[in-house]
Amino acid sequence: MKKLIGHIALFVAIVLSSNTFAYDFQTDGIYYNITSWTDNIVAVTSGNNNYSGSVVIPSNVTYNGVNYNVTSIGNYAFSNCSSLTSVTIPNSVTSVGIGVFYGCTGLTTLNYNADSCDGYGFSTFQIFWLEGCNNLTTVNIGSNVRIIPRNFIRDKSSVTSITIPNSVTYIGKNAFEIVQV
């Protein structure tokens, strides 16, 4: 039994000491994981969790001569990046993970351009859980967006401006559930 406990303790020590920010490559300050080698698809990931300033996610990115389509943002990709001030999400993104902007205290602007997106946050259809984004004041929705799903934004932030273009034909239940701080 002592030997088994010793092996478990060694395993835990190795896991805890390993780099928790695994990514496949980095280009122009954005970290990516390859999610499909056959279709050349990548997801934005947390990298070394050092995103700052204004981040514009491209629709596609080239790495080692291979062009990849950016179709998702992984779980906690930007979480706790306190120096991140704005993020622009392209229309190629169709999936957003859990806690993507959690604790981004410096985030002031979110530019969302994706026309269709599945979210995995607090509820099945939630896209952005913005807990801790106390300086977020502006959400701009791109002119190609047609549908705003239910629970699109659910947060406790200081959002004061949401731009909804004429292209939007459907807004889901509780799409903008914002509790002022």
N, C-alpha and C. Protein backbone atom coordinates (compact mmCIF):
# COMPACT_ATOMS: atom_id res chain seq x y z
N MET A 1 0.81 -1.19 0.00
CA MET A 1 0.00 0.00 0.00
C MET A 1 0.86 1.26 0.00
N LYS A 2 1.95 1.25 0.83
CA LYS A 2 2.85 2.41 0.87
C LYS A 2 3.47 2.65 -0.50
N LYS A 3 3.78 1.57 -1.22
CA LYS A 3 4.39 1.69 -2.54
C LYS A 3 3.40 2.34 -3.52
N LEU A 4 2.13 1.92 -3.46
CA LEU A 4 1.10 2.50 -4.31
C LEU A 4 0.93 3.98 -4.01
N ILE A 5 0.88 4.35 -2.74
CA ILE A 5 0.74 5.76 -2.35
C ILE A 5 1.95 6.55 -2.83
N GLY A 6 3.14 5.97 -2.74
CA GLY A 6 4.35 6.63 -3.23
C GLY A 6 4.30 6.86 -4.73
N HIS A 7 3.79 5.89 -5.50
CA HIS A 7 3.66 6.04 -6.95
C HIS A 7 2.63 7.11 -7.29
N ILE A 8 1.54 7.12 -6.55
CA ILE A 8 0.51 8.14 -6.80
C ILE A 8 1.07 9.52 -6.49
N ALA A 9 1.78 9.67 -5.39
CA ALA A 9 2.37 10.96 -5.02
C ALA A 9 3.37 11.42 -6.08
N LEU A 10 4.18 10.50 -6.60
CA LEU A 10 5.15 10.84 -7.65
C LEU A 10 4.42 11.29 -8.91
N PHE A 11 3.35 10.57 -9.29
CA PHE A 11 2.58 10.93 -10.47
C PHE A 11 1.98 12.33 -10.32
N VAL A 12 1.38 12.59 -9.15
CA VAL A 12 0.78 13.90 -8.90
C VAL A 12 1.85 14.99 -8.97
N ALA A 13 3.00 14.77 -8.41
CA ALA A 13 4.09 15.76 -8.44
C ALA A 13 4.53 16.04 -9.87
N ILE A 14 4.62 15.01 -10.69
CA ILE A 14 5.02 15.20 -12.09
C ILE A 14 3.97 15.99 -12.83
N VAL A 15 2.69 15.64 -12.64
CA VAL A 15 1.61 16.35 -13.32
C VAL A 15 1.57 17.80 -12.89
N LEU A 16 1.69 18.07 -11.59
CA LEU A 16 1.62 19.45 -11.11
C LEU A 16 2.81 20.29 -11.54
N SER A 17 3.95 19.67 -11.78
CA SER A 17 5.12 20.44 -12.18
C SER A 17 5.20 20.64 -13.69
N SER A 18 4.34 19.97 -14.44
CA SER A 18 4.38 20.11 -15.90
C SER A 18 3.73 21.42 -16.31
N ASN A 19 4.00 21.84 -17.52
CA ASN A 19 3.44 23.07 -18.07
C ASN A 19 1.94 22.89 -18.28
N THR A 20 1.13 23.67 -17.60
CA THR A 20 -0.32 23.55 -17.73
C THR A 20 -0.85 24.31 -18.94
N PHE A 21 -0.01 25.03 -19.62
CA PHE A 21 -0.43 25.79 -20.78
C PHE A 21 0.07 25.12 -22.06
N ALA A 22 -0.50 23.98 -22.35
CA ALA A 22 -0.09 23.25 -23.55
C ALA A 22 -0.73 23.87 -24.79
N TYR A 23 0.07 24.06 -25.80
CA TYR A 23 -0.42 24.57 -27.07
C TYR A 23 0.45 24.00 -28.18
N ASP A 24 -0.11 23.97 -29.39
CA ASP A 24 0.63 23.41 -30.51
C ASP A 24 1.55 24.42 -31.19
N PHE A 25 1.08 25.67 -31.30
CA PHE A 25 1.94 26.71 -31.87
C PHE A 25 1.41 28.09 -31.50
N GLN A 26 2.27 29.07 -31.72
CA GLN A 26 1.94 30.46 -31.43
C GLN A 26 2.30 31.29 -32.65
N THR A 27 1.41 32.18 -33.05
CA THR A 27 1.66 33.09 -34.16
C THR A 27 1.08 34.45 -33.82
N ASP A 28 1.87 35.49 -34.01
CA ASP A 28 1.43 36.87 -33.76
C ASP A 28 0.81 37.05 -32.39
N GLY A 29 1.39 36.41 -31.39
CA GLY A 29 0.96 36.58 -30.01
C GLY A 29 -0.27 35.79 -29.60
N ILE A 30 -0.80 34.96 -30.48
CA ILE A 30 -1.98 34.15 -30.16
C ILE A 30 -1.56 32.68 -30.19
N TYR A 31 -2.02 31.92 -29.18
CA TYR A 31 -1.68 30.51 -29.06
C TYR A 31 -2.81 29.65 -29.62
N TYR A 32 -2.42 28.54 -30.27
CA TYR A 32 -3.40 27.68 -30.93
C TYR A 32 -3.16 26.21 -30.61
N ASN A 33 -4.26 25.47 -30.57
CA ASN A 33 -4.22 24.01 -30.55
C ASN A 33 -4.84 23.52 -31.84
N ILE A 34 -4.20 22.55 -32.47
CA ILE A 34 -4.74 21.96 -33.69
C ILE A 34 -5.84 20.99 -33.26
N THR A 35 -7.06 21.23 -33.73
CA THR A 35 -8.19 20.37 -33.37
C THR A 35 -8.54 19.38 -34.46
N SER A 36 -8.07 19.63 -35.69
CA SER A 36 -8.25 18.68 -36.79
C SER A 36 -7.07 18.79 -37.73
N TRP A 37 -6.27 17.72 -37.74
CA TRP A 37 -5.12 17.70 -38.65
C TRP A 37 -5.57 17.52 -40.08
N THR A 38 -6.61 16.76 -40.32
CA THR A 38 -7.06 16.49 -41.69
C THR A 38 -7.75 17.69 -42.32
N ASP A 39 -8.48 18.48 -41.50
CA ASP A 39 -9.19 19.64 -42.04
C ASP A 39 -8.47 20.96 -41.76
N ASN A 40 -7.29 20.89 -41.13
CA ASN A 40 -6.50 22.08 -40.79
C ASN A 40 -7.33 23.11 -40.01
N ILE A 41 -7.81 22.68 -38.85
CA ILE A 41 -8.64 23.52 -37.99
C ILE A 41 -7.94 23.70 -36.65
N VAL A 42 -7.97 24.94 -36.13
CA VAL A 42 -7.35 25.24 -34.84
C VAL A 42 -8.32 25.96 -33.92
N ALA A 43 -7.98 25.92 -32.62
CA ALA A 43 -8.70 26.64 -31.59
C ALA A 43 -7.72 27.58 -30.89
N VAL A 44 -8.18 28.76 -30.55
CA VAL A 44 -7.38 29.68 -29.73
C VAL A 44 -7.33 29.07 -28.33
N THR A 45 -6.15 29.09 -27.71
CA THR A 45 -5.99 28.51 -26.39
C THR A 45 -5.26 29.47 -25.47
N SER A 46 -5.03 29.04 -24.24
CA SER A 46 -4.48 29.93 -23.23
C SER A 46 -2.99 30.21 -23.36
N GLY A 47 -2.25 29.38 -24.01
CA GLY A 47 -0.82 29.64 -24.13
C GLY A 47 -0.20 29.84 -22.77
N ASN A 48 0.55 30.88 -22.61
CA ASN A 48 1.17 31.19 -21.33
C ASN A 48 0.35 32.19 -20.53
N ASN A 49 -0.91 32.35 -20.93
CA ASN A 49 -1.84 33.24 -20.24
C ASN A 49 -1.31 34.65 -20.11
N ASN A 50 -0.68 35.13 -21.15
CA ASN A 50 -0.11 36.47 -21.10
C ASN A 50 -0.70 37.41 -22.15
N TYR A 51 -1.94 37.18 -22.54
CA TYR A 51 -2.57 38.07 -23.50
C TYR A 51 -2.73 39.46 -22.87
N SER A 52 -2.45 40.48 -23.68
CA SER A 52 -2.61 41.84 -23.18
C SER A 52 -2.97 42.76 -24.33
N GLY A 53 -3.46 43.94 -23.99
CA GLY A 53 -3.83 44.91 -25.01
C GLY A 53 -5.02 44.45 -25.82
N SER A 54 -5.00 44.79 -27.09
CA SER A 54 -6.09 44.46 -28.00
C SER A 54 -5.71 43.22 -28.79
N VAL A 55 -6.57 42.20 -28.73
CA VAL A 55 -6.32 40.95 -29.46
C VAL A 55 -7.38 40.82 -30.55
N VAL A 56 -6.90 40.64 -31.78
CA VAL A 56 -7.79 40.41 -32.91
C VAL A 56 -7.52 38.98 -33.39
N ILE A 57 -8.51 38.13 -33.19
CA ILE A 57 -8.37 36.73 -33.60
C ILE A 57 -8.60 36.66 -35.11
N PRO A 58 -7.66 36.08 -35.86
CA PRO A 58 -7.84 35.99 -37.30
C PRO A 58 -8.78 34.83 -37.67
N SER A 59 -9.33 34.88 -38.87
CA SER A 59 -10.16 33.78 -39.37
C SER A 59 -9.32 32.57 -39.74
N ASN A 60 -8.10 32.85 -40.18
CA ASN A 60 -7.18 31.76 -40.49
C ASN A 60 -5.76 32.22 -40.18
N VAL A 61 -4.89 31.24 -40.00
CA VAL A 61 -3.52 31.51 -39.62
C VAL A 61 -2.62 30.51 -40.33
N THR A 62 -1.42 30.94 -40.69
CA THR A 62 -0.46 30.06 -41.35
C THR A 62 0.68 29.76 -40.39
N TYR A 63 1.01 28.48 -40.29
CA TYR A 63 2.11 28.04 -39.44
C TYR A 63 2.86 26.92 -40.16
N ASN A 64 4.17 27.07 -40.27
CA ASN A 64 5.02 26.11 -40.98
C ASN A 64 4.48 25.79 -42.37
N GLY A 65 4.00 26.82 -43.06
CA GLY A 65 3.52 26.66 -44.43
C GLY A 65 2.14 26.06 -44.57
N VAL A 66 1.47 25.80 -43.46
CA VAL A 66 0.13 25.21 -43.50
C VAL A 66 -0.89 26.27 -43.06
N ASN A 67 -1.95 26.44 -43.85
CA ASN A 67 -3.00 27.39 -43.52
C ASN A 67 -4.07 26.68 -42.68
N TYR A 68 -4.39 27.24 -41.51
CA TYR A 68 -5.38 26.67 -40.60
C TYR A 68 -6.56 27.63 -40.46
N ASN A 69 -7.77 27.07 -40.38
CA ASN A 69 -8.97 27.85 -40.11
C ASN A 69 -9.18 27.91 -38.60
N VAL A 70 -9.44 29.11 -38.09
CA VAL A 70 -9.68 29.31 -36.67
C VAL A 70 -11.19 29.22 -36.46
N THR A 71 -11.64 28.14 -35.79
CA THR A 71 -13.08 27.92 -35.65
C THR A 71 -13.58 27.91 -34.20
N SER A 72 -12.67 27.99 -33.23
CA SER A 72 -13.14 27.95 -31.85
C SER A 72 -12.17 28.66 -30.91
N ILE A 73 -12.70 28.94 -29.73
CA ILE A 73 -11.90 29.49 -28.64
C ILE A 73 -12.03 28.50 -27.50
N GLY A 74 -10.92 27.96 -27.05
CA GLY A 74 -10.93 26.91 -26.04
C GLY A 74 -11.27 27.40 -24.64
N ASN A 75 -11.57 26.46 -23.78
CA ASN A 75 -11.89 26.75 -22.38
C ASN A 75 -10.81 27.62 -21.74
N TYR A 76 -11.23 28.67 -21.07
CA TYR A 76 -10.35 29.56 -20.29
C TYR A 76 -9.22 30.19 -21.12
N ALA A 77 -9.41 30.32 -22.42
CA ALA A 77 -8.35 30.82 -23.31
C ALA A 77 -7.78 32.17 -22.86
N PHE A 78 -8.62 33.09 -22.43
CA PHE A 78 -8.16 34.41 -22.02
C PHE A 78 -8.34 34.66 -20.53
N SER A 79 -8.73 33.65 -19.78
CA SER A 79 -9.07 33.87 -18.37
C SER A 79 -7.91 34.46 -17.58
N ASN A 80 -8.26 35.37 -16.70
CA ASN A 80 -7.32 36.04 -15.79
C ASN A 80 -6.22 36.83 -16.49
N CYS A 81 -6.46 37.24 -17.72
CA CYS A 81 -5.51 38.11 -18.43
C CYS A 81 -5.90 39.56 -18.09
N SER A 82 -5.40 40.05 -17.00
CA SER A 82 -5.83 41.35 -16.49
C SER A 82 -5.40 42.52 -17.37
N SER A 83 -4.43 42.32 -18.25
CA SER A 83 -3.97 43.40 -19.13
C SER A 83 -4.66 43.37 -20.50
N LEU A 84 -5.56 42.43 -20.70
CA LEU A 84 -6.32 42.34 -21.95
C LEU A 84 -7.37 43.43 -21.94
N THR A 85 -7.39 44.28 -23.01
CA THR A 85 -8.34 45.40 -23.03
C THR A 85 -9.48 45.20 -24.02
N SER A 86 -9.21 44.53 -25.14
CA SER A 86 -10.29 44.28 -26.10
C SER A 86 -9.99 43.01 -26.89
N VAL A 87 -11.07 42.37 -27.34
CA VAL A 87 -10.95 41.15 -28.14
C VAL A 87 -11.93 41.25 -29.29
N THR A 88 -11.45 40.90 -30.48
CA THR A 88 -12.31 40.83 -31.66
C THR A 88 -12.36 39.38 -32.11
N ILE A 89 -13.59 38.86 -32.20
CA ILE A 89 -13.82 37.47 -32.58
C ILE A 89 -14.35 37.45 -34.00
N PRO A 90 -13.69 36.70 -34.92
CA PRO A 90 -14.10 36.69 -36.32
C PRO A 90 -15.32 35.81 -36.57
N ASN A 91 -15.90 35.93 -37.76
CA ASN A 91 -17.08 35.13 -38.09
C ASN A 91 -16.76 33.66 -38.31
N SER A 92 -15.49 33.29 -38.36
CA SER A 92 -15.13 31.88 -38.53
C SER A 92 -15.30 31.08 -37.24
N VAL A 93 -15.37 31.76 -36.10
CA VAL A 93 -15.49 31.07 -34.81
C VAL A 93 -16.93 30.58 -34.63
N THR A 94 -17.08 29.27 -34.43
CA THR A 94 -18.40 28.67 -34.25
C THR A 94 -18.56 28.01 -32.89
N SER A 95 -17.52 28.05 -32.06
CA SER A 95 -17.59 27.43 -30.75
C SER A 95 -16.74 28.22 -29.76
N VAL A 96 -17.33 28.49 -28.60
CA VAL A 96 -16.63 29.21 -27.54
C VAL A 96 -16.71 28.36 -26.28
N GLY A 97 -15.57 28.13 -25.64
CA GLY A 97 -15.51 27.26 -24.47
C GLY A 97 -15.93 27.93 -23.19
N ILE A 98 -15.75 27.22 -22.11
CA ILE A 98 -16.12 27.66 -20.77
C ILE A 98 -15.12 28.69 -20.25
N GLY A 99 -15.59 29.72 -19.57
CA GLY A 99 -14.74 30.66 -18.85
C GLY A 99 -13.73 31.41 -19.69
N VAL A 100 -14.04 31.64 -20.95
CA VAL A 100 -13.09 32.25 -21.88
C VAL A 100 -12.56 33.59 -21.38
N PHE A 101 -13.40 34.42 -20.81
CA PHE A 101 -12.98 35.74 -20.34
C PHE A 101 -13.07 35.90 -18.83
N TYR A 102 -13.14 34.80 -18.12
CA TYR A 102 -13.27 34.86 -16.67
C TYR A 102 -12.10 35.64 -16.05
N GLY A 103 -12.41 36.64 -15.24
CA GLY A 103 -11.39 37.39 -14.52
C GLY A 103 -10.56 38.34 -15.35
N CYS A 104 -11.03 38.69 -16.54
CA CYS A 104 -10.29 39.66 -17.37
C CYS A 104 -10.66 41.07 -16.91
N THR A 105 -10.04 41.51 -15.84
CA THR A 105 -10.40 42.76 -15.19
C THR A 105 -10.13 44.00 -16.03
N GLY A 106 -9.23 43.91 -17.02
CA GLY A 106 -8.93 45.06 -17.86
C GLY A 106 -9.73 45.10 -19.15
N LEU A 107 -10.54 44.07 -19.41
CA LEU A 107 -11.31 43.99 -20.65
C LEU A 107 -12.38 45.08 -20.67
N THR A 108 -12.34 45.95 -21.69
CA THR A 108 -13.33 47.02 -21.81
C THR A 108 -14.24 46.84 -23.01
N THR A 109 -13.76 46.14 -24.07
CA THR A 109 -14.53 46.02 -25.30
C THR A 109 -14.48 44.61 -25.84
N LEU A 110 -15.63 44.10 -26.24
CA LEU A 110 -15.73 42.79 -26.89
C LEU A 110 -16.41 42.99 -28.23
N ASN A 111 -15.71 42.64 -29.31
CA ASN A 111 -16.24 42.74 -30.67
C ASN A 111 -16.53 41.33 -31.16
N TYR A 112 -17.81 41.04 -31.36
CA TYR A 112 -18.26 39.69 -31.71
C TYR A 112 -18.81 39.70 -33.13
N ASN A 113 -18.16 38.92 -34.01
CA ASN A 113 -18.55 38.93 -35.42
C ASN A 113 -19.06 37.59 -35.93
N ALA A 114 -19.09 36.57 -35.09
CA ALA A 114 -19.50 35.23 -35.53
C ALA A 114 -21.00 35.19 -35.76
N ASP A 115 -21.40 34.58 -36.88
CA ASP A 115 -22.82 34.51 -37.21
C ASP A 115 -23.52 33.37 -36.48
N SER A 116 -22.83 32.27 -36.27
CA SER A 116 -23.44 31.15 -35.55
C SER A 116 -22.42 30.61 -34.58
N CYS A 117 -22.84 30.42 -33.37
CA CYS A 117 -21.88 30.00 -32.36
C CYS A 117 -22.55 29.18 -31.28
N ASP A 118 -21.91 28.09 -30.90
CA ASP A 118 -22.38 27.27 -29.79
C ASP A 118 -21.54 27.59 -28.58
N GLY A 119 -22.17 27.83 -27.46
CA GLY A 119 -21.44 28.12 -26.24
C GLY A 119 -21.58 27.00 -25.25
N TYR A 120 -20.61 26.87 -24.39
CA TYR A 120 -20.62 25.79 -23.42
C TYR A 120 -20.50 26.30 -22.00
N GLY A 121 -20.76 27.57 -21.79
CA GLY A 121 -20.54 28.17 -20.49
C GLY A 121 -21.50 27.71 -19.41
N PHE A 122 -22.02 28.64 -18.64
CA PHE A 122 -22.83 28.34 -17.46
C PHE A 122 -24.06 27.51 -17.80
N SER A 123 -24.68 27.77 -18.91
CA SER A 123 -25.81 26.96 -19.37
C SER A 123 -25.51 26.47 -20.78
N THR A 124 -26.31 25.57 -21.26
CA THR A 124 -26.05 24.93 -22.55
C THR A 124 -25.88 25.95 -23.67
N PHE A 125 -26.67 27.00 -23.66
CA PHE A 125 -26.64 27.93 -24.78
C PHE A 125 -25.92 29.24 -24.48
N GLN A 126 -25.25 29.31 -23.37
CA GLN A 126 -24.57 30.55 -23.00
C GLN A 126 -23.26 30.72 -23.77
N ILE A 127 -22.99 31.86 -24.26
CA ILE A 127 -21.77 32.11 -25.00
C ILE A 127 -20.71 32.75 -24.11
N PHE A 128 -20.97 33.87 -23.50
CA PHE A 128 -19.95 34.56 -22.73
C PHE A 128 -20.36 34.73 -21.28
N TRP A 129 -19.62 34.10 -20.42
CA TRP A 129 -19.77 34.29 -18.97
C TRP A 129 -18.65 35.25 -18.60
N LEU A 130 -18.99 36.46 -18.25
CA LEU A 130 -18.00 37.52 -18.09
C LEU A 130 -17.75 37.87 -16.63
N GLU A 131 -17.82 36.88 -15.77
CA GLU A 131 -17.58 37.10 -14.34
C GLU A 131 -16.20 37.72 -14.13
N GLY A 132 -16.13 38.80 -13.39
CA GLY A 132 -14.87 39.45 -13.09
C GLY A 132 -14.42 40.46 -14.13
N CYS A 133 -15.20 40.66 -15.17
CA CYS A 133 -14.86 41.66 -16.19
C CYS A 133 -15.51 42.99 -15.80
N ASN A 134 -15.10 43.53 -14.69
CA ASN A 134 -15.77 44.69 -14.11
C ASN A 134 -15.55 45.98 -14.88
N ASN A 135 -14.66 46.00 -15.86
CA ASN A 135 -14.43 47.20 -16.66
C ASN A 135 -15.01 47.09 -18.06
N LEU A 136 -15.64 45.95 -18.38
CA LEU A 136 -16.24 45.77 -19.70
C LEU A 136 -17.43 46.70 -19.82
N THR A 137 -17.36 47.63 -20.78
CA THR A 137 -18.44 48.59 -20.96
C THR A 137 -19.12 48.44 -22.32
N THR A 138 -18.40 47.88 -23.32
CA THR A 138 -18.91 47.90 -24.68
C THR A 138 -18.87 46.52 -25.32
N VAL A 139 -20.01 46.11 -25.88
CA VAL A 139 -20.08 44.88 -26.67
C VAL A 139 -20.59 45.28 -28.05
N ASN A 140 -19.77 45.05 -29.08
CA ASN A 140 -20.15 45.36 -30.45
C ASN A 140 -20.41 44.06 -31.20
N ILE A 141 -21.62 43.95 -31.75
CA ILE A 141 -21.99 42.76 -32.50
C ILE A 141 -21.89 43.10 -33.98
N GLY A 142 -21.15 42.30 -34.74
CA GLY A 142 -20.87 42.56 -36.15
C GLY A 142 -22.10 42.50 -37.04
N SER A 143 -21.99 43.16 -38.19
CA SER A 143 -23.13 43.29 -39.10
C SER A 143 -23.49 41.99 -39.82
N ASN A 144 -22.64 40.95 -39.72
CA ASN A 144 -23.00 39.68 -40.35
C ASN A 144 -23.75 38.75 -39.39
N VAL A 145 -23.90 39.15 -38.13
CA VAL A 145 -24.58 38.32 -37.15
C VAL A 145 -26.09 38.40 -37.38
N ARG A 146 -26.72 37.22 -37.47
CA ARG A 146 -28.17 37.16 -37.69
C ARG A 146 -28.91 36.70 -36.44
N ILE A 147 -28.26 35.84 -35.65
CA ILE A 147 -28.92 35.24 -34.49
C ILE A 147 -28.09 35.50 -33.23
N ILE A 148 -28.75 35.99 -32.21
CA ILE A 148 -28.12 36.12 -30.90
C ILE A 148 -28.78 35.06 -30.02
N PRO A 149 -28.04 34.02 -29.64
CA PRO A 149 -28.65 32.92 -28.90
C PRO A 149 -29.04 33.31 -27.48
N ARG A 150 -29.88 32.50 -26.88
CA ARG A 150 -30.27 32.77 -25.50
C ARG A 150 -29.03 32.75 -24.61
N ASN A 151 -29.05 33.54 -23.58
CA ASN A 151 -27.93 33.66 -22.64
C ASN A 151 -26.62 34.02 -23.33
N PHE A 152 -26.68 34.86 -24.35
CA PHE A 152 -25.48 35.28 -25.09
C PHE A 152 -24.45 35.88 -24.16
N ILE A 153 -24.89 36.80 -23.32
CA ILE A 153 -24.01 37.38 -22.31
C ILE A 153 -24.69 37.21 -20.97
N ARG A 154 -23.97 36.61 -20.07
CA ARG A 154 -24.49 36.46 -18.70
C ARG A 154 -23.35 36.84 -17.79
N ASP A 155 -23.50 37.93 -17.10
CA ASP A 155 -22.36 38.40 -16.32
C ASP A 155 -22.75 39.34 -15.20
N LYS A 156 -21.76 39.70 -14.47
CA LYS A 156 -21.87 40.75 -13.46
C LYS A 156 -20.82 41.78 -13.83
N SER A 157 -21.11 42.54 -14.84
CA SER A 157 -20.12 43.50 -15.33
C SER A 157 -20.72 44.90 -15.39
N SER A 158 -19.96 45.79 -15.94
CA SER A 158 -20.39 47.18 -16.04
C SER A 158 -20.77 47.55 -17.47
N VAL A 159 -21.29 46.58 -18.24
CA VAL A 159 -21.67 46.83 -19.64
C VAL A 159 -22.71 47.93 -19.69
N THR A 160 -22.41 48.96 -20.48
CA THR A 160 -23.34 50.07 -20.65
C THR A 160 -23.76 50.25 -22.10
N SER A 161 -23.07 49.57 -23.03
CA SER A 161 -23.38 49.74 -24.44
C SER A 161 -23.28 48.41 -25.18
N ILE A 162 -24.38 48.03 -25.81
CA ILE A 162 -24.39 46.85 -26.67
C ILE A 162 -24.93 47.28 -28.01
N THR A 163 -24.11 47.10 -29.06
CA THR A 163 -24.53 47.47 -30.40
C THR A 163 -25.11 46.24 -31.10
N ILE A 164 -26.37 46.34 -31.50
CA ILE A 164 -27.04 45.25 -32.21
C ILE A 164 -27.37 45.75 -33.61
N PRO A 165 -26.76 45.14 -34.64
CA PRO A 165 -26.98 45.61 -36.00
C PRO A 165 -28.36 45.18 -36.54
N ASN A 166 -28.78 45.81 -37.61
CA ASN A 166 -30.05 45.49 -38.26
C ASN A 166 -30.09 44.06 -38.82
N SER A 167 -28.92 43.45 -39.01
CA SER A 167 -28.86 42.10 -39.56
C SER A 167 -29.42 41.05 -38.60
N VAL A 168 -29.51 41.39 -37.31
CA VAL A 168 -30.01 40.43 -36.32
C VAL A 168 -31.51 40.25 -36.51
N THR A 169 -31.92 38.99 -36.73
CA THR A 169 -33.33 38.67 -36.94
C THR A 169 -33.94 37.91 -35.77
N TYR A 170 -33.08 37.46 -34.83
CA TYR A 170 -33.58 36.71 -33.69
C TYR A 170 -32.70 36.97 -32.47
N ILE A 171 -33.35 37.27 -31.36
CA ILE A 171 -32.64 37.42 -30.08
C ILE A 171 -33.29 36.45 -29.10
N GLY A 172 -32.48 35.53 -28.58
CA GLY A 172 -32.97 34.49 -27.69
C GLY A 172 -33.33 35.00 -26.30
N LYS A 173 -34.03 34.15 -25.58
CA LYS A 173 -34.46 34.46 -24.21
C LYS A 173 -33.24 34.76 -23.34
N ASN A 174 -33.34 35.80 -22.53
CA ASN A 174 -32.25 36.20 -21.63
C ASN A 174 -30.94 36.40 -22.35
N ALA A 175 -30.97 36.87 -23.58
CA ALA A 175 -29.75 37.04 -24.36
C ALA A 175 -28.76 37.97 -23.67
N PHE A 176 -29.26 38.95 -22.97
CA PHE A 176 -28.39 39.90 -22.30
C PHE A 176 -28.79 39.98 -20.83
N GLU A 177 -28.37 39.00 -20.08
CA GLU A 177 -28.67 38.97 -18.65
C GLU A 177 -27.48 39.57 -17.92
N ILE A 178 -27.56 40.87 -17.69
CA ILE A 178 -26.45 41.61 -17.11
C ILE A 178 -26.85 42.15 -15.74
N VAL A 179 -26.08 41.84 -14.76
CA VAL A 179 -26.29 42.36 -13.41
C VAL A 179 -25.23 43.42 -13.18
N GLN A 180 -25.63 44.64 -12.99
CA GLN A 180 -24.69 45.74 -12.80
C GLN A 180 -23.96 45.57 -11.47
N VAL A 181 -22.65 45.89 -11.48
CA VAL A 181 -21.86 45.78 -10.26
C VAL A 181 -21.85 47.10 -9.51
